């Protein structure tokens, strides 16, 4: 099974381009990833979970 342990962000939008500006996000197991095209409702799923604690 494949596993993502961490991700580095550098030089994207508000993140600087120098190494000192790099941000590292560490993931814990299990990791859930929502993937889909724009307008598919990914953000709505997250907001429902945050506001109500329920996923439909």
PDB file of N, CA and C in Angstrom:
ATOM      1  N   UNK A   1       0.843  -1.171   0.000  1.00  0.00           N
ATOM      2  CA  UNK A   1       0.000   0.000   0.000  1.00  0.00           C
ATOM      3  C   UNK A   1       0.890   1.236   0.000  1.00  0.00           C
ATOM      4  N   UNK A   2       0.524   2.213  -0.796  1.00  0.00           N
ATOM      5  CA  UNK A   2       1.266   3.478  -0.832  1.00  0.00           C
ATOM      6  C   UNK A   2       0.884   4.342   0.346  1.00  0.00           C
ATOM      7  N   UNK A   3       1.806   5.205   0.754  1.00  0.00           N
ATOM      8  CA  UNK A   3       1.554   6.050   1.916  1.00  0.00           C
ATOM      9  C   UNK A   3       2.222   7.403   1.719  1.00  0.00           C
ATOM     10  N   UNK A   4       1.486   8.490   2.025  1.00  0.00           N
ATOM     11  CA  UNK A   4       2.056   9.837   2.008  1.00  0.00           C
ATOM     12  C   UNK A   4       2.362  10.208   3.449  1.00  0.00           C
ATOM     13  N   UNK A   5       3.611  10.483   3.759  1.00  0.00           N
ATOM     14  CA  UNK A   5       3.993  10.819   5.126  1.00  0.00           C
ATOM     15  C   UNK A   5       4.067  12.319   5.359  1.00  0.00           C
ATOM     16  N   UNK A   6       4.561  13.073   4.362  1.00  0.00           N
ATOM     17  CA  UNK A   6       4.611  14.523   4.509  1.00  0.00           C
ATOM     18  C   UNK A   6       4.667  15.183   3.144  1.00  0.00           C
ATOM     19  N   UNK A   7       4.334  16.487   3.123  1.00  0.00           N
ATOM     20  CA  UNK A   7       4.330  17.256   1.892  1.00  0.00           C
ATOM     21  C   UNK A   7       4.982  18.601   2.170  1.00  0.00           C
ATOM     22  N   UNK A   8       5.824  19.048   1.256  1.00  0.00           N
ATOM     23  CA  UNK A   8       6.477  20.353   1.369  1.00  0.00           C
ATOM     24  C   UNK A   8       5.848  21.317   0.368  1.00  0.00           C
ATOM     25  N   UNK A   9       5.624  22.560   0.810  1.00  0.00           N
ATOM     26  CA  UNK A   9       5.066  23.591  -0.061  1.00  0.00           C
ATOM     27  C   UNK A   9       6.064  24.736  -0.136  1.00  0.00           C
ATOM     28  N   UNK A  10       6.392  25.136  -1.365  1.00  0.00           N
ATOM     29  CA  UNK A  10       7.373  26.194  -1.585  1.00  0.00           C
ATOM     30  C   UNK A  10       7.040  26.908  -2.887  1.00  0.00           C
ATOM     31  N   UNK A  11       6.912  28.241  -2.827  1.00  0.00           N
ATOM     32  CA  UNK A  11       6.714  29.035  -4.031  1.00  0.00           C
ATOM     33  C   UNK A  11       5.337  28.951  -4.659  1.00  0.00           C
ATOM     34  N   UNK A  12       4.312  28.612  -3.892  1.00  0.00           N
ATOM     35  CA  UNK A  12       2.945  28.552  -4.410  1.00  0.00           C
ATOM     36  C   UNK A  12       2.115  29.618  -3.720  1.00  0.00           C
ATOM     37  N   UNK A  13       1.481  30.469  -4.493  1.00  0.00           N
ATOM     38  CA  UNK A  13       0.633  31.557  -4.008  1.00  0.00           C
ATOM     39  C   UNK A  13       1.329  32.370  -2.929  1.00  0.00           C
ATOM     40  N   UNK A  14       0.887  32.271  -1.671  1.00  0.00           N
ATOM     41  CA  UNK A  14       1.454  33.115  -0.613  1.00  0.00           C
ATOM     42  C   UNK A  14       2.699  32.513   0.036  1.00  0.00           C
ATOM     43  N   UNK A  15       3.138  31.342  -0.405  1.00  0.00           N
ATOM     44  CA  UNK A  15       4.340  30.732   0.147  1.00  0.00           C
ATOM     45  C   UNK A  15       5.552  31.245  -0.616  1.00  0.00           C
ATOM     46  N   UNK A  16       6.579  31.659   0.126  1.00  0.00           N
ATOM     47  CA  UNK A  16       7.775  32.225  -0.492  1.00  0.00           C
ATOM     48  C   UNK A  16       8.543  31.214  -1.318  1.00  0.00           C
ATOM     49  N   UNK A  17       9.512  31.718  -2.089  1.00  0.00           N
ATOM     50  CA  UNK A  17      10.287  30.862  -2.987  1.00  0.00           C
ATOM     51  C   UNK A  17      11.628  30.439  -2.396  1.00  0.00           C
ATOM     52  N   UNK A  18      11.983  30.997  -1.253  1.00  0.00           N
ATOM     53  CA  UNK A  18      13.261  30.638  -0.635  1.00  0.00           C
ATOM     54  C   UNK A  18      13.070  29.455   0.305  1.00  0.00           C
ATOM     55  N   UNK A  19      14.154  28.705   0.517  1.00  0.00           N
ATOM     56  CA  UNK A  19      14.076  27.500   1.339  1.00  0.00           C
ATOM     57  C   UNK A  19      13.578  27.796   2.752  1.00  0.00           C
ATOM     58  N   UNK A  20      13.883  28.988   3.276  1.00  0.00           N
ATOM     59  CA  UNK A  20      13.449  29.337   4.633  1.00  0.00           C
ATOM     60  C   UNK A  20      11.929  29.506   4.718  1.00  0.00           C
ATOM     61  N   UNK A  21      11.268  29.711   3.575  1.00  0.00           N
ATOM     62  CA  UNK A  21       9.818  29.900   3.530  1.00  0.00           C
ATOM     63  C   UNK A  21       9.055  28.584   3.376  1.00  0.00           C
ATOM     64  N   UNK A  22       9.764  27.485   3.199  1.00  0.00           N
ATOM     65  CA  UNK A  22       9.131  26.189   2.958  1.00  0.00           C
ATOM     66  C   UNK A  22       8.282  25.764   4.155  1.00  0.00           C
ATOM     67  N   UNK A  23       7.098  25.262   3.875  1.00  0.00           N
ATOM     68  CA  UNK A  23       6.204  24.737   4.895  1.00  0.00           C
ATOM     69  C   UNK A  23       6.094  23.233   4.695  1.00  0.00           C
ATOM     70  N   UNK A  24       6.141  22.477   5.783  1.00  0.00           N
ATOM     71  CA  UNK A  24       6.038  21.024   5.711  1.00  0.00           C
ATOM     72  C   UNK A  24       4.789  20.589   6.466  1.00  0.00           C
ATOM     73  N   UNK A  25       3.954  19.814   5.802  1.00  0.00           N
ATOM     74  CA  UNK A  25       2.746  19.271   6.417  1.00  0.00           C
ATOM     75  C   UNK A  25       2.972  17.784   6.630  1.00  0.00           C
ATOM     76  N   UNK A  26       2.886  17.333   7.880  1.00  0.00           N
ATOM     77  CA  UNK A  26       3.020  15.910   8.193  1.00  0.00           C
ATOM     78  C   UNK A  26       1.631  15.299   8.314  1.00  0.00           C
ATOM     79  N   UNK A  27       1.438  14.145   7.706  1.00  0.00           N
ATOM     80  CA  UNK A  27       0.150  13.463   7.733  1.00  0.00           C
ATOM     81  C   UNK A  27       0.195  12.316   8.726  1.00  0.00           C
ATOM     82  N   UNK A  28      -0.937  12.060   9.343  1.00  0.00           N
ATOM     83  CA  UNK A  28      -1.066  10.946  10.267  1.00  0.00           C
ATOM     84  C   UNK A  28      -1.966   9.895   9.633  1.00  0.00           C
ATOM     85  N   UNK A  29      -1.920   8.698  10.121  1.00  0.00           N
ATOM     86  CA  UNK A  29      -2.701   7.609   9.559  1.00  0.00           C
ATOM     87  C   UNK A  29      -3.975   7.422  10.368  1.00  0.00           C
ATOM     88  N   UNK A  30      -5.112   7.200   9.799  1.00  0.00           N
ATOM     89  CA  UNK A  30      -5.381   7.150   8.368  1.00  0.00           C
ATOM     90  C   UNK A  30      -5.557   8.545   7.797  1.00  0.00           C
ATOM     91  N   UNK A  31      -5.295   8.693   6.525  1.00  0.00           N
ATOM     92  CA  UNK A  31      -5.427   9.958   5.802  1.00  0.00           C
ATOM     93  C   UNK A  31      -6.545   9.812   4.777  1.00  0.00           C
ATOM     94  N   UNK A  32      -7.493  10.733   4.804  1.00  0.00           N
ATOM     95  CA  UNK A  32      -8.581  10.736   3.833  1.00  0.00           C
ATOM     96  C   UNK A  32      -8.338  11.864   2.846  1.00  0.00           C
ATOM     97  N   UNK A  33      -8.404  11.557   1.567  1.00  0.00           N
ATOM     98  CA  UNK A  33      -8.183  12.546   0.519  1.00  0.00           C
ATOM     99  C   UNK A  33      -9.454  12.661  -0.317  1.00  0.00           C
ATOM    100  N   UNK A  34      -9.948  13.894  -0.480  1.00  0.00           N
ATOM    101  CA  UNK A  34     -11.103  14.151  -1.336  1.00  0.00           C
ATOM    102  C   UNK A  34     -10.593  14.660  -2.675  1.00  0.00           C
ATOM    103  N   UNK A  35     -10.902  13.943  -3.744  1.00  0.00           N
ATOM    104  CA  UNK A  35     -10.423  14.297  -5.072  1.00  0.00           C
ATOM    105  C   UNK A  35     -11.620  14.437  -6.005  1.00  0.00           C
ATOM    106  N   UNK A  36     -11.617  15.489  -6.811  1.00  0.00           N
ATOM    107  CA  UNK A  36     -12.693  15.664  -7.781  1.00  0.00           C
ATOM    108  C   UNK A  36     -12.536  16.972  -8.520  1.00  0.00           C
ATOM    109  N   UNK A  37     -13.295  17.139  -9.591  1.00  0.00           N
ATOM    110  CA  UNK A  37     -13.207  18.368 -10.376  1.00  0.00           C
ATOM    111  C   UNK A  37     -13.812  19.552  -9.632  1.00  0.00           C
ATOM    112  N   UNK A  38     -13.526  20.760 -10.119  1.00  0.00           N
ATOM    113  CA  UNK A  38     -14.121  21.958  -9.534  1.00  0.00           C
ATOM    114  C   UNK A  38     -15.640  21.847  -9.586  1.00  0.00           C
ATOM    115  N   UNK A  39     -16.291  22.245  -8.490  1.00  0.00           N
ATOM    116  CA  UNK A  39     -17.744  22.215  -8.440  1.00  0.00           C
ATOM    117  C   UNK A  39     -18.336  20.875  -8.062  1.00  0.00           C
ATOM    118  N   UNK A  40     -17.503  19.903  -7.692  1.00  0.00           N
ATOM    119  CA  UNK A  40     -18.002  18.570  -7.359  1.00  0.00           C
ATOM    120  C   UNK A  40     -18.511  18.463  -5.928  1.00  0.00           C
ATOM    121  N   UNK A  41     -18.213  19.452  -5.069  1.00  0.00           N
ATOM    122  CA  UNK A  41     -18.712  19.432  -3.702  1.00  0.00           C
ATOM    123  C   UNK A  41     -17.699  19.031  -2.648  1.00  0.00           C
ATOM    124  N   UNK A  42     -16.415  19.080  -2.962  1.00  0.00           N
ATOM    125  CA  UNK A  42     -15.392  18.692  -1.979  1.00  0.00           C
ATOM    126  C   UNK A  42     -15.434  19.594  -0.751  1.00  0.00           C
ATOM    127  N   UNK A  43     -15.518  20.895  -0.969  1.00  0.00           N
ATOM    128  CA  UNK A  43     -15.539  21.847   0.146  1.00  0.00           C
ATOM    129  C   UNK A  43     -16.815  21.705   0.952  1.00  0.00           C
ATOM    130  N   UNK A  44     -17.932  21.429   0.303  1.00  0.00           N
ATOM    131  CA  UNK A  44     -19.204  21.235   1.005  1.00  0.00           C
ATOM    132  C   UNK A  44     -19.096  20.059   1.972  1.00  0.00           C
ATOM    133  N   UNK A  45     -18.451  18.986   1.557  1.00  0.00           N
ATOM    134  CA  UNK A  45     -18.259  17.825   2.444  1.00  0.00           C
ATOM    135  C   UNK A  45     -17.476  18.218   3.687  1.00  0.00           C
ATOM    136  N   UNK A  46     -16.423  18.984   3.502  1.00  0.00           N
ATOM    137  CA  UNK A  46     -15.600  19.412   4.635  1.00  0.00           C
ATOM    138  C   UNK A  46     -16.392  20.337   5.548  1.00  0.00           C
ATOM    139  N   UNK A  47     -17.117  21.307   4.972  1.00  0.00           N
ATOM    140  CA  UNK A  47     -17.905  22.241   5.783  1.00  0.00           C
ATOM    141  C   UNK A  47     -19.005  21.525   6.557  1.00  0.00           C
ATOM    142  N   UNK A  48     -19.681  20.560   5.939  1.00  0.00           N
ATOM    143  CA  UNK A  48     -20.709  19.796   6.652  1.00  0.00           C
ATOM    144  C   UNK A  48     -20.117  19.087   7.864  1.00  0.00           C
ATOM    145  N   UNK A  49     -18.963  18.483   7.670  1.00  0.00           N
ATOM    146  CA  UNK A  49     -18.301  17.762   8.764  1.00  0.00           C
ATOM    147  C   UNK A  49     -17.894  18.724   9.879  1.00  0.00           C
ATOM    148  N   UNK A  50     -17.343  19.880   9.527  1.00  0.00           N
ATOM    149  CA  UNK A  50     -16.891  20.853  10.523  1.00  0.00           C
ATOM    150  C   UNK A  50     -18.057  21.465  11.292  1.00  0.00           C
ATOM    151  N   UNK A  51     -19.142  21.776  10.593  1.00  0.00           N
ATOM    152  CA  UNK A  51     -20.255  22.482  11.222  1.00  0.00           C
ATOM    153  C   UNK A  51     -21.235  21.567  11.940  1.00  0.00           C
ATOM    154  N   UNK A  52     -21.426  20.349  11.443  1.00  0.00           N
ATOM    155  CA  UNK A  52     -22.440  19.470  12.027  1.00  0.00           C
ATOM    156  C   UNK A  52     -21.858  18.203  12.640  1.00  0.00           C
ATOM    157  N   UNK A  53     -20.656  17.834  12.235  1.00  0.00           N
ATOM    158  CA  UNK A  53     -20.069  16.585  12.719  1.00  0.00           C
ATOM    159  C   UNK A  53     -20.608  15.370  11.986  1.00  0.00           C
ATOM    160  N   UNK A  54     -21.400  15.592  10.931  1.00  0.00           N
ATOM    161  CA  UNK A  54     -22.039  14.498  10.201  1.00  0.00           C
ATOM    162  C   UNK A  54     -21.583  14.507   8.752  1.00  0.00           C
ATOM    163  N   UNK A  55     -21.266  13.337   8.229  1.00  0.00           N
ATOM    164  CA  UNK A  55     -20.977  13.198   6.801  1.00  0.00           C
ATOM    165  C   UNK A  55     -22.111  12.400   6.177  1.00  0.00           C
ATOM    166  N   UNK A  56     -22.649  12.888   5.073  1.00  0.00           N
ATOM    167  CA  UNK A  56     -23.755  12.186   4.408  1.00  0.00           C
ATOM    168  C   UNK A  56     -23.266  11.463   3.192  1.00  0.00           C
TER     169      UNK A  56
END
